[in-house]
Amino acid sequence: MPPTDASAGTSTGSVPVHTGCPDPQAVAGAGHTAAFGDGEDTLDLRLPDEFVTRFAGGTADVETGGREAGQEHAGVAATRYGRREVCRTEVEEDLLDHITTWGTTTSRVGPFRLVPVRVEHDLQLVHGWMNDPAVTAFWQLGGHLNRTESHLRAQLDGDGRSVPCLGLLDGTPMSYWEIYRADLDPLARHYPARPHDTGIHLLVGSASDRGRGLGSALLRAVADLVLDCRPACARVVAEPDLRNTPSVSAFLSAGFRYAAELDLPGKRAALMIRDRVLRGLM
């Protein structure tokens, strides 16, 4: 299950803004594919014909992330936080259209880019953020380092339907994101999902970066980045806890619309949607 709430930050209120917090059962499990109370960790969905055709030749193993053994996963990093270049051995297709190639976008708070997490370099940073008491209350990933590591590796070692990322503002890592295929996630059981719906979760790492509008600015920038880089995606979705008013406000300020209330395991959520067809109006 996607996180219940992720600190996004708004200009009012002292409650950190979040996009979702993990179900306790999901912490050491499969991240966004954690069970929704029925013991399953994936959705029983019919894959699109083009997806089935893509793997019909047997050259890639869907269960191991859609790549042959020995291939680099979704590109390689040229530097720790600098420019990332796509490896020639990268698989040609990817459930999230190669986040490593999305590049830098311009937000109203500065140039911003998403960089997939590398556990060997980024674990301590993410773990520190997760142990902020204000964050732990929602994400439930505080405590021992292994807890955060398991959450990250479950996504990185999965089939690519969820990718944990660092958000770099002016080149500095300051936020944690999870970009995931909402239509392939257990969340799809709780709302009328459409093919290629893309979900986002956000955690603004430093308390000093919260409460001053950064969250809404970055949510808008990343939602638009998703729509620009994923042509098949018509909607970006999120499900913040209804109790977190600053979070819902941040999404509204970022061009999302309030679509429905959802009963999810562990929370009552607001379904927030940013539509491609309305992006110029909201």
C-alpha atoms as a PDB file:
ATOM      1  CA  MET A   1       0.000   0.000   0.000  1.00  0.00           C
ATOM      2  CA  PRO A   2       1.269   3.448  -0.793  1.00  0.00           C
ATOM      3  CA  PRO A   3       2.334   5.615   2.127  1.00  0.00           C
ATOM      4  CA  THR A   4      -0.446   7.378   3.976  1.00  0.00           C
ATOM      5  CA  ASP A   5       1.226  10.771   4.057  1.00  0.00           C
ATOM      6  CA  ALA A   6       4.449  12.365   2.869  1.00  0.00           C
ATOM      7  CA  SER A   7       5.732  15.711   4.061  1.00  0.00           C
ATOM      8  CA  ALA A   8       5.190  18.279   1.322  1.00  0.00           C
ATOM      9  CA  GLY A   9       5.056  21.580   3.202  1.00  0.00           C
ATOM     10  CA  THR A  10       2.605  24.442   2.829  1.00  0.00           C
ATOM     11  CA  SER A  11       2.584  28.083   3.702  1.00  0.00           C
ATOM     12  CA  THR A  12       0.118  27.637   6.572  1.00  0.00           C
ATOM     13  CA  GLY A  13      -0.210  25.271   9.476  1.00  0.00           C
ATOM     14  CA  SER A  14       2.379  23.398  11.485  1.00  0.00           C
ATOM     15  CA  VAL A  15       1.448  19.905  10.313  1.00  0.00           C
ATOM     16  CA  PRO A  16       3.907  18.559   7.713  1.00  0.00           C
ATOM     17  CA  VAL A  17       2.329  17.938   4.325  1.00  0.00           C
ATOM     18  CA  HIS A  18       2.340  14.355   3.106  1.00  0.00           C
ATOM     19  CA  THR A  19       1.156  12.339   0.129  1.00  0.00           C
ATOM     20  CA  GLY A  20       0.730   9.032   1.926  1.00  0.00           C
ATOM     21  CA  CYS A  21       2.198   6.664   4.665  1.00  0.00           C
ATOM     22  CA  PRO A  22       2.966   2.995   4.273  1.00  0.00           C
ATOM     23  CA  ASP A  23       0.690   0.383   5.697  1.00  0.00           C
ATOM     24  CA  PRO A  24       2.576  -1.200   8.647  1.00  0.00           C
ATOM     25  CA  GLN A  25       2.513  -4.527   6.792  1.00  0.00           C
ATOM     26  CA  ALA A  26       4.220  -2.877   3.839  1.00  0.00           C
ATOM     27  CA  VAL A  27       7.348  -1.706   5.643  1.00  0.00           C
ATOM     28  CA  ALA A  28       9.422  -4.857   5.129  1.00  0.00           C
ATOM     29  CA  GLY A  29       7.392  -6.077   2.206  1.00  0.00           C
ATOM     30  CA  ALA A  30       6.913  -4.909  -1.340  1.00  0.00           C
ATOM     31  CA  GLY A  31       6.462  -1.172  -0.981  1.00  0.00           C
ATOM     32  CA  HIS A  32       3.480  -0.086  -3.085  1.00  0.00           C
ATOM     33  CA  THR A  33       2.557  -3.681  -3.860  1.00  0.00           C
ATOM     34  CA  ALA A  34       1.996  -4.542  -0.208  1.00  0.00           C
ATOM     35  CA  ALA A  35      -1.089  -6.534   0.715  1.00  0.00           C
ATOM     36  CA  PHE A  36      -4.406  -4.713   1.149  1.00  0.00           C
ATOM     37  CA  GLY A  37      -5.655  -7.174   3.709  1.00  0.00           C
ATOM     38  CA  ASP A  38      -6.038 -10.249   1.504  1.00  0.00           C
ATOM     39  CA  GLY A  39      -2.496 -11.616   1.540  1.00  0.00           C
ATOM     40  CA  GLU A  40      -1.772 -10.673  -2.063  1.00  0.00           C
ATOM     41  CA  ASP A  41       0.991  -8.301  -3.038  1.00  0.00           C
ATOM     42  CA  THR A  42       0.064  -7.645  -6.653  1.00  0.00           C
ATOM     43  CA  LEU A  43      -3.082  -6.987  -8.621  1.00  0.00           C
ATOM     44  CA  ASP A  44      -4.608  -9.646 -10.818  1.00  0.00           C
ATOM     45  CA  LEU A  45      -4.828  -7.454 -13.897  1.00  0.00           C
ATOM     46  CA  ARG A  46      -4.801  -8.278 -17.581  1.00  0.00           C
ATOM     47  CA  LEU A  47      -1.682  -6.788 -19.073  1.00  0.00           C
ATOM     48  CA  PRO A  48      -2.045  -4.730 -22.250  1.00  0.00           C
ATOM     49  CA  ASP A  49      -1.411  -6.674 -25.450  1.00  0.00           C
ATOM     50  CA  GLU A  50       1.599  -4.524 -26.278  1.00  0.00           C
ATOM     51  CA  PHE A  51       3.128  -5.329 -22.903  1.00  0.00           C
ATOM     52  CA  VAL A  52       2.646  -9.075 -23.421  1.00  0.00           C
ATOM     53  CA  THR A  53       4.094  -8.826 -26.922  1.00  0.00           C
ATOM     54  CA  ARG A  54       7.113  -6.981 -25.557  1.00  0.00           C
ATOM     55  CA  PHE A  55       8.151 -10.006 -23.522  1.00  0.00           C
ATOM     56  CA  ALA A  56       6.906 -12.739 -25.833  1.00  0.00           C
ATOM     57  CA  GLY A  57      10.403 -13.429 -27.129  1.00  0.00           C
ATOM     58  CA  GLY A  58      11.564 -14.514 -23.685  1.00  0.00           C
ATOM     59  CA  THR A  59      14.457 -12.054 -23.593  1.00  0.00           C
ATOM     60  CA  ALA A  60      13.316 -10.417 -20.378  1.00  0.00           C
ATOM     61  CA  ASP A  61      11.971 -11.742 -17.100  1.00  0.00           C
ATOM     62  CA  VAL A  62       8.959  -9.778 -15.870  1.00  0.00           C
ATOM     63  CA  GLU A  63       9.352 -11.134 -12.345  1.00  0.00           C
ATOM     64  CA  THR A  64      12.889  -9.751 -12.032  1.00  0.00           C
ATOM     65  CA  GLY A  65      12.143  -6.270 -13.259  1.00  0.00           C
ATOM     66  CA  GLY A  66      11.831  -6.921 -17.000  1.00  0.00           C
ATOM     67  CA  ARG A  67      15.538  -7.266 -17.731  1.00  0.00           C
ATOM     68  CA  GLU A  68      17.986 -10.042 -18.450  1.00  0.00           C
ATOM     69  CA  ALA A  69      20.397 -11.087 -15.712  1.00  0.00           C
ATOM     70  CA  GLY A  70      23.454  -8.851 -15.658  1.00  0.00           C
ATOM     71  CA  GLN A  71      21.779  -5.844 -17.249  1.00  0.00           C
ATOM     72  CA  GLU A  72      21.902  -2.534 -15.434  1.00  0.00           C
ATOM     73  CA  HIS A  73      18.583  -1.498 -13.907  1.00  0.00           C
ATOM     74  CA  ALA A  74      17.068   1.552 -15.637  1.00  0.00           C
ATOM     75  CA  GLY A  75      20.385   3.189 -16.494  1.00  0.00           C
ATOM     76  CA  VAL A  76      23.475   4.087 -14.529  1.00  0.00           C
ATOM     77  CA  ALA A  77      24.593   7.178 -12.676  1.00  0.00           C
ATOM     78  CA  ALA A  78      27.533   9.085 -14.063  1.00  0.00           C
ATOM     79  CA  THR A  79      27.941  10.892 -10.743  1.00  0.00           C
ATOM     80  CA  ARG A  80      26.310  10.627  -7.344  1.00  0.00           C
ATOM     81  CA  TYR A  81      23.877  13.518  -7.734  1.00  0.00           C
ATOM     82  CA  GLY A  82      24.930  14.991 -11.058  1.00  0.00           C
ATOM     83  CA  ARG A  83      23.892  14.251 -14.590  1.00  0.00           C
ATOM     84  CA  ARG A  84      22.726  10.706 -15.162  1.00  0.00           C
ATOM     85  CA  GLU A  85      23.270   9.008 -18.486  1.00  0.00           C
ATOM     86  CA  VAL A  86      21.322   6.052 -19.782  1.00  0.00           C
ATOM     87  CA  CYS A  87      23.347   2.854 -20.127  1.00  0.00           C
ATOM     88  CA  ARG A  88      23.314   1.217 -23.559  1.00  0.00           C
ATOM     89  CA  THR A  89      22.282  -2.043 -21.927  1.00  0.00           C
ATOM     90  CA  GLU A  90      19.148  -0.435 -20.517  1.00  0.00           C
ATOM     91  CA  VAL A  91      15.964  -2.277 -21.417  1.00  0.00           C
ATOM     92  CA  GLU A  92      14.061  -0.621 -24.241  1.00  0.00           C
ATOM     93  CA  GLU A  93      10.749  -0.519 -22.404  1.00  0.00           C
ATOM     94  CA  ASP A  94       9.941   0.345 -18.822  1.00  0.00           C
ATOM     95  CA  LEU A  95       6.703   0.617 -16.831  1.00  0.00           C
ATOM     96  CA  LEU A  96       7.434   4.265 -15.968  1.00  0.00           C
ATOM     97  CA  ASP A  97       9.097   5.384 -19.203  1.00  0.00           C
ATOM     98  CA  HIS A  98      12.654   5.628 -17.885  1.00  0.00           C
ATOM     99  CA  ILE A  99      12.670   8.138 -15.043  1.00  0.00           C
ATOM    100  CA  THR A 100      16.449   8.376 -15.464  1.00  0.00           C
ATOM    101  CA  THR A 101      15.887  10.203 -18.765  1.00  0.00           C
ATOM    102  CA  TRP A 102      13.255  12.691 -17.592  1.00  0.00           C
ATOM    103  CA  GLY A 103      15.814  15.416 -17.008  1.00  0.00           C
ATOM    104  CA  THR A 104      15.462  18.745 -15.211  1.00  0.00           C
ATOM    105  CA  THR A 105      12.233  20.700 -15.015  1.00  0.00           C
ATOM    106  CA  THR A 106      11.746  24.348 -14.109  1.00  0.00           C
ATOM    107  CA  SER A 107       9.680  24.958 -10.996  1.00  0.00           C
ATOM    108  CA  ARG A 108       8.802  28.308  -9.445  1.00  0.00           C
ATOM    109  CA  VAL A 109      11.338  27.533  -6.693  1.00  0.00           C
ATOM    110  CA  GLY A 110      14.209  26.573  -9.001  1.00  0.00           C
ATOM    111  CA  PRO A 111      15.464  23.809 -11.319  1.00  0.00           C
ATOM    112  CA  PHE A 112      14.346  20.387 -10.128  1.00  0.00           C
ATOM    113  CA  ARG A 113      15.008  16.789 -11.143  1.00  0.00           C
ATOM    114  CA  LEU A 114      14.216  13.289  -9.942  1.00  0.00           C
ATOM    115  CA  VAL A 115      17.102  10.852  -9.477  1.00  0.00           C
ATOM    116  CA  PRO A 116      16.345   7.190  -8.673  1.00  0.00           C
ATOM    117  CA  VAL A 117      17.653   6.209  -5.246  1.00  0.00           C
ATOM    118  CA  ARG A 118      20.879   4.227  -5.047  1.00  0.00           C
ATOM    119  CA  VAL A 119      20.799   2.387  -1.746  1.00  0.00           C
ATOM    120  CA  GLU A 120      24.568   2.222  -1.370  1.00  0.00           C
ATOM    121  CA  HIS A 121      24.826   6.033  -1.488  1.00  0.00           C
ATOM    122  CA  ASP A 122      21.449   7.364  -0.407  1.00  0.00           C
ATOM    123  CA  LEU A 123      20.219   5.067   2.369  1.00  0.00           C
ATOM    124  CA  GLN A 124      21.625   7.091   5.266  1.00  0.00           C
ATOM    125  CA  LEU A 125      20.073  10.292   3.933  1.00  0.00           C
ATOM    126  CA  VAL A 126      16.622   8.783   3.437  1.00  0.00           C
ATOM    127  CA  HIS A 127      16.845   6.942   6.763  1.00  0.00           C
ATOM    128  CA  GLY A 128      17.590  10.210   8.542  1.00  0.00           C
ATOM    129  CA  TRP A 129      14.545  11.851   7.010  1.00  0.00           C
ATOM    130  CA  MET A 130      12.351   8.893   7.927  1.00  0.00           C
ATOM    131  CA  ASN A 131      13.410   9.217  11.569  1.00  0.00           C
ATOM    132  CA  ASP A 132      12.164  12.765  11.904  1.00  0.00           C
ATOM    133  CA  PRO A 133       9.305  12.309  14.425  1.00  0.00           C
ATOM    134  CA  ALA A 134       6.933  14.374  12.272  1.00  0.00           C
ATOM    135  CA  VAL A 135       7.670  12.067   9.323  1.00  0.00           C
ATOM    136  CA  THR A 136       7.672   8.772  11.224  1.00  0.00           C
ATOM    137  CA  ALA A 137       4.130   9.420  12.392  1.00  0.00           C
ATOM    138  CA  PHE A 138       2.938   9.132   8.803  1.00  0.00           C
ATOM    139  CA  TRP A 139       5.465   7.006   6.920  1.00  0.00           C
ATOM    140  CA  GLN A 140       6.136   4.511   9.739  1.00  0.00           C
ATOM    141  CA  LEU A 141       9.619   3.813   8.404  1.00  0.00           C
ATOM    142  CA  GLY A 142      11.631   5.139  11.328  1.00  0.00           C
ATOM    143  CA  GLY A 143      13.767   3.042  13.621  1.00  0.00           C
ATOM    144  CA  HIS A 144      16.461   0.672  12.452  1.00  0.00           C
ATOM    145  CA  LEU A 145      18.280   1.301   9.180  1.00  0.00           C
ATOM    146  CA  ASN A 146      17.157  -2.082   7.870  1.00  0.00           C
ATOM    147  CA  ARG A 147      13.557  -0.974   7.900  1.00  0.00           C
ATOM    148  CA  THR A 148      14.162   1.857   5.473  1.00  0.00           C
ATOM    149  CA  GLU A 149      16.504  -0.282   3.387  1.00  0.00           C
ATOM    150  CA  SER A 150      13.894  -3.034   3.012  1.00  0.00           C
ATOM    151  CA  HIS A 151      11.328  -0.496   1.862  1.00  0.00           C
ATOM    152  CA  LEU A 152      13.676   0.883  -0.785  1.00  0.00           C
ATOM    153  CA  ARG A 153      14.963  -2.463  -2.025  1.00  0.00           C
ATOM    154  CA  ALA A 154      11.456  -3.880  -2.353  1.00  0.00           C
ATOM    155  CA  GLN A 155      10.840  -1.258  -5.029  1.00  0.00           C
ATOM    156  CA  LEU A 156      14.266  -1.295  -6.657  1.00  0.00           C
ATOM    157  CA  ASP A 157      14.298  -5.098  -6.899  1.00  0.00           C
ATOM    158  CA  GLY A 158      10.700  -5.273  -8.121  1.00  0.00           C
ATOM    159  CA  ASP A 159       9.272  -5.160 -11.608  1.00  0.00           C
ATOM    160  CA  GLY A 160       9.606  -1.394 -11.995  1.00  0.00           C
ATOM    161  CA  ARG A 161       6.049  -0.400 -11.138  1.00  0.00           C
ATOM    162  CA  SER A 162       7.353   1.829  -8.310  1.00  0.00           C
ATOM    163  CA  VAL A 163      10.587   3.828  -8.311  1.00  0.00           C
ATOM    164  CA  PRO A 164      11.964   5.584  -5.204  1.00  0.00           C
ATOM    165  CA  CYS A 165      13.714   8.839  -6.066  1.00  0.00           C
ATOM    166  CA  LEU A 166      15.567  11.738  -4.534  1.00  0.00           C
ATOM    167  CA  GLY A 167      14.347  15.181  -5.505  1.00  0.00           C
ATOM    168  CA  LEU A 168      17.204  17.562  -6.318  1.00  0.00           C
ATOM    169  CA  LEU A 169      16.460  21.277  -6.067  1.00  0.00           C
ATOM    170  CA  ASP A 170      19.275  23.366  -7.547  1.00  0.00           C
ATOM    171  CA  GLY A 171      21.357  20.179  -7.472  1.00  0.00           C
ATOM    172  CA  THR A 172      20.840  19.507  -3.761  1.00  0.00           C
ATOM    173  CA  PRO A 173      18.888  16.431  -2.578  1.00  0.00           C
ATOM    174  CA  MET A 174      16.069  17.767  -0.396  1.00  0.00           C
ATOM    175  CA  SER A 175      13.088  15.451  -0.876  1.00  0.00           C
ATOM    176  CA  TYR A 176      12.131  11.814  -1.286  1.00  0.00           C
ATOM    177  CA  TRP A 177       9.609  10.699  -3.899  1.00  0.00           C
ATOM    178  CA  GLU A 178       7.931   7.508  -4.974  1.00  0.00           C
ATOM    179  CA  ILE A 179       6.624   7.455  -8.533  1.00  0.00           C
ATOM    180  CA  TYR A 180       4.439   4.438  -9.170  1.00  0.00           C
ATOM    181  CA  ARG A 181       1.927   2.910 -11.561  1.00  0.00           C
ATOM    182  CA  ALA A 182      -1.323   3.433  -9.689  1.00  0.00           C
ATOM    183  CA  ASP A 183      -3.200   1.269 -12.191  1.00  0.00           C
ATOM    184  CA  LEU A 184      -0.947  -1.685 -11.295  1.00  0.00           C
ATOM    185  CA  ASP A 185      -1.004  -0.997  -7.550  1.00  0.00           C
ATOM    186  CA  PRO A 186      -3.471  -2.337  -4.946  1.00  0.00           C
ATOM    187  CA  LEU A 187      -4.759   1.244  -4.805  1.00  0.00           C
ATOM    188  CA  ALA A 188      -6.535   0.452  -8.097  1.00  0.00           C
ATOM    189  CA  ARG A 189      -8.963  -1.738  -6.159  1.00  0.00           C
ATOM    190  CA  HIS A 190     -10.279   1.327  -4.389  1.00  0.00           C
ATOM    191  CA  TYR A 191     -10.949   3.781  -7.213  1.00  0.00           C
ATOM    192  CA  PRO A 192     -11.868   3.591 -10.940  1.00  0.00           C
ATOM    193  CA  ALA A 193      -8.297   3.350 -12.207  1.00  0.00           C
ATOM    194  CA  ARG A 194      -7.424   4.001 -15.825  1.00  0.00           C
ATOM    195  CA  PRO A 195      -4.507   2.529 -17.788  1.00  0.00           C
ATOM    196  CA  HIS A 196      -1.209   4.284 -17.035  1.00  0.00           C
ATOM    197  CA  ASP A 197      -2.519   6.276 -14.059  1.00  0.00           C
ATOM    198  CA  THR A 198       0.643   7.388 -12.257  1.00  0.00           C
ATOM    199  CA  GLY A 199       0.822   7.920  -8.500  1.00  0.00           C
ATOM    200  CA  ILE A 200       3.183  10.122  -6.526  1.00  0.00           C
ATOM    201  CA  HIS A 201       4.263  10.358  -2.874  1.00  0.00           C
ATOM    202  CA  LEU A 202       6.428  13.141  -1.499  1.00  0.00           C
ATOM    203  CA  LEU A 203       8.486  13.662   1.630  1.00  0.00           C
ATOM    204  CA  VAL A 204      10.232  17.014   2.108  1.00  0.00           C
ATOM    205  CA  GLY A 205      13.284  15.981   4.083  1.00  0.00           C
ATOM    206  CA  SER A 206      14.271  18.989   6.169  1.00  0.00           C
ATOM    207  CA  ALA A 207      11.893  20.604   8.631  1.00  0.00           C
ATOM    208  CA  SER A 208      13.243  24.008   7.535  1.00  0.00           C
ATOM    209  CA  ASP A 209      11.929  23.342   4.007  1.00  0.00           C
ATOM    210  CA  ARG A 210       8.394  22.671   5.195  1.00  0.00           C
ATOM    211  CA  GLY A 211       5.601  25.133   5.722  1.00  0.00           C
ATOM    212  CA  ARG A 212       6.718  27.663   3.108  1.00  0.00           C
ATOM    213  CA  GLY A 213       5.048  26.484  -0.091  1.00  0.00           C
ATOM    214  CA  LEU A 214       7.811  24.241  -1.441  1.00  0.00           C
ATOM    215  CA  GLY A 215       5.568  21.194  -1.353  1.00  0.00           C
ATOM    216  CA  SER A 216       2.870  22.583  -3.636  1.00  0.00           C
ATOM    217  CA  ALA A 217       5.460  24.002  -6.042  1.00  0.00           C
ATOM    218  CA  LEU A 218       7.257  20.674  -6.338  1.00  0.00           C
ATOM    219  CA  LEU A 219       4.037  18.658  -6.577  1.00  0.00           C
ATOM    220  CA  ARG A 220       2.960  20.750  -9.559  1.00  0.00           C
ATOM    221  CA  ALA A 221       6.383  20.483 -11.180  1.00  0.00           C
ATOM    222  CA  VAL A 222       6.587  16.704 -10.788  1.00  0.00           C
ATOM    223  CA  ALA A 223       2.989  16.107 -11.873  1.00  0.00           C
ATOM    224  CA  ASP A 224       3.664  18.086 -15.036  1.00  0.00           C
ATOM    225  CA  LEU A 225       6.951  16.242 -15.516  1.00  0.00           C
ATOM    226  CA  VAL A 226       5.077  12.939 -15.373  1.00  0.00           C
ATOM    227  CA  LEU A 227       2.570  14.136 -17.955  1.00  0.00           C
ATOM    228  CA  ASP A 228       5.328  15.460 -20.212  1.00  0.00           C
ATOM    229  CA  CYS A 229       7.448  12.303 -20.041  1.00  0.00           C
ATOM    230  CA  ARG A 230       4.680   9.689 -20.011  1.00  0.00           C
ATOM    231  CA  PRO A 231       2.518  10.357 -23.101  1.00  0.00           C
ATOM    232  CA  ALA A 232       0.199   7.432 -22.311  1.00  0.00           C
ATOM    233  CA  CYS A 233      -0.570   8.798 -18.846  1.00  0.00           C
ATOM    234  CA  ALA A 234      -3.685  10.967 -18.718  1.00  0.00           C
ATOM    235  CA  ARG A 235      -3.824  11.427 -14.927  1.00  0.00           C
ATOM    236  CA  VAL A 236      -1.508  11.799 -11.956  1.00  0.00           C
ATOM    237  CA  VAL A 237      -3.072  10.619  -8.695  1.00  0.00           C
ATOM    238  CA  ALA A 238      -2.370  10.747  -4.969  1.00  0.00           C
ATOM    239  CA  GLU A 239      -4.187   9.740  -1.775  1.00  0.00           C
ATOM    240  CA  PRO A 240      -3.223  11.894   1.229  1.00  0.00           C
ATOM    241  CA  ASP A 241      -4.808  11.245   4.598  1.00  0.00           C
ATOM    242  CA  LEU A 242      -7.977  13.301   4.956  1.00  0.00           C
ATOM    243  CA  ARG A 243      -6.860  14.354   8.433  1.00  0.00           C
ATOM    244  CA  ASN A 244      -3.852  16.128   6.963  1.00  0.00           C
ATOM    245  CA  THR A 245      -5.488  19.331   5.797  1.00  0.00           C
ATOM    246  CA  PRO A 246      -2.194  21.007   4.794  1.00  0.00           C
ATOM    247  CA  SER A 247      -1.452  18.076   2.494  1.00  0.00           C
ATOM    248  CA  VAL A 248      -4.799  18.262   0.741  1.00  0.00           C
ATOM    249  CA  SER A 249      -4.359  22.026   0.423  1.00  0.00           C
ATOM    250  CA  ALA A 250      -0.928  21.560  -1.136  1.00  0.00           C
ATOM    251  CA  PHE A 251      -2.367  19.255  -3.784  1.00  0.00           C
ATOM    252  CA  LEU A 252      -5.162  21.693  -4.566  1.00  0.00           C
ATOM    253  CA  SER A 253      -2.592  24.485  -4.930  1.00  0.00           C
ATOM    254  CA  ALA A 254      -0.585  22.230  -7.237  1.00  0.00           C
ATOM    255  CA  GLY A 255      -3.433  21.838  -9.725  1.00  0.00           C
ATOM    256  CA  PHE A 256      -4.954  18.629  -8.424  1.00  0.00           C
ATOM    257  CA  ARG A 257      -8.686  18.276  -7.954  1.00  0.00           C
ATOM    258  CA  TYR A 258     -10.415  16.552  -5.063  1.00  0.00           C
ATOM    259  CA  ALA A 259     -12.137  13.529  -6.633  1.00  0.00           C
ATOM    260  CA  ALA A 260     -13.404  11.292  -3.831  1.00  0.00           C
ATOM    261  CA  GLU A 261     -12.911   9.893  -0.358  1.00  0.00           C
ATOM    262  CA  LEU A 262     -11.339   6.441  -0.183  1.00  0.00           C
ATOM    263  CA  ASP A 263     -11.414   3.873   2.596  1.00  0.00           C
ATOM    264  CA  LEU A 264      -7.901   2.440   2.512  1.00  0.00           C
ATOM    265  CA  PRO A 265      -6.298   0.115   5.034  1.00  0.00           C
ATOM    266  CA  GLY A 266      -5.192   2.297   7.901  1.00  0.00           C
ATOM    267  CA  LYS A 267      -6.651   5.584   6.718  1.00  0.00           C
ATOM    268  CA  ARG A 268      -9.473   7.534   5.145  1.00  0.00           C
ATOM    269  CA  ALA A 269      -7.893   9.212   2.134  1.00  0.00           C
ATOM    270  CA  ALA A 270      -8.621  12.018  -0.276  1.00  0.00           C
ATOM    271  CA  LEU A 271      -8.243  10.934  -3.877  1.00  0.00           C
ATOM    272  CA  MET A 272      -6.478  13.794  -5.628  1.00  0.00           C
ATOM    273  CA  ILE A 273      -6.163  13.862  -9.429  1.00  0.00           C
ATOM    274  CA  ARG A 274      -4.294  16.097 -11.853  1.00  0.00           C
ATOM    275  CA  ASP A 275      -5.771  15.623 -15.322  1.00  0.00           C
ATOM    276  CA  ARG A 276      -3.812  16.153 -18.489  1.00  0.00           C
ATOM    277  CA  VAL A 277      -6.807  17.835 -20.141  1.00  0.00           C
ATOM    278  CA  LEU A 278      -7.179  20.310 -17.276  1.00  0.00           C
ATOM    279  CA  ARG A 279      -3.514  21.092 -16.636  1.00  0.00           C
ATOM    280  CA  GLY A 280      -3.742  24.423 -18.456  1.00  0.00           C
ATOM    281  CA  LEU A 281      -6.717  25.507 -16.354  1.00  0.00           C
ATOM    282  CA  MET A 282      -5.664  24.487 -12.834  1.00  0.00           C
END
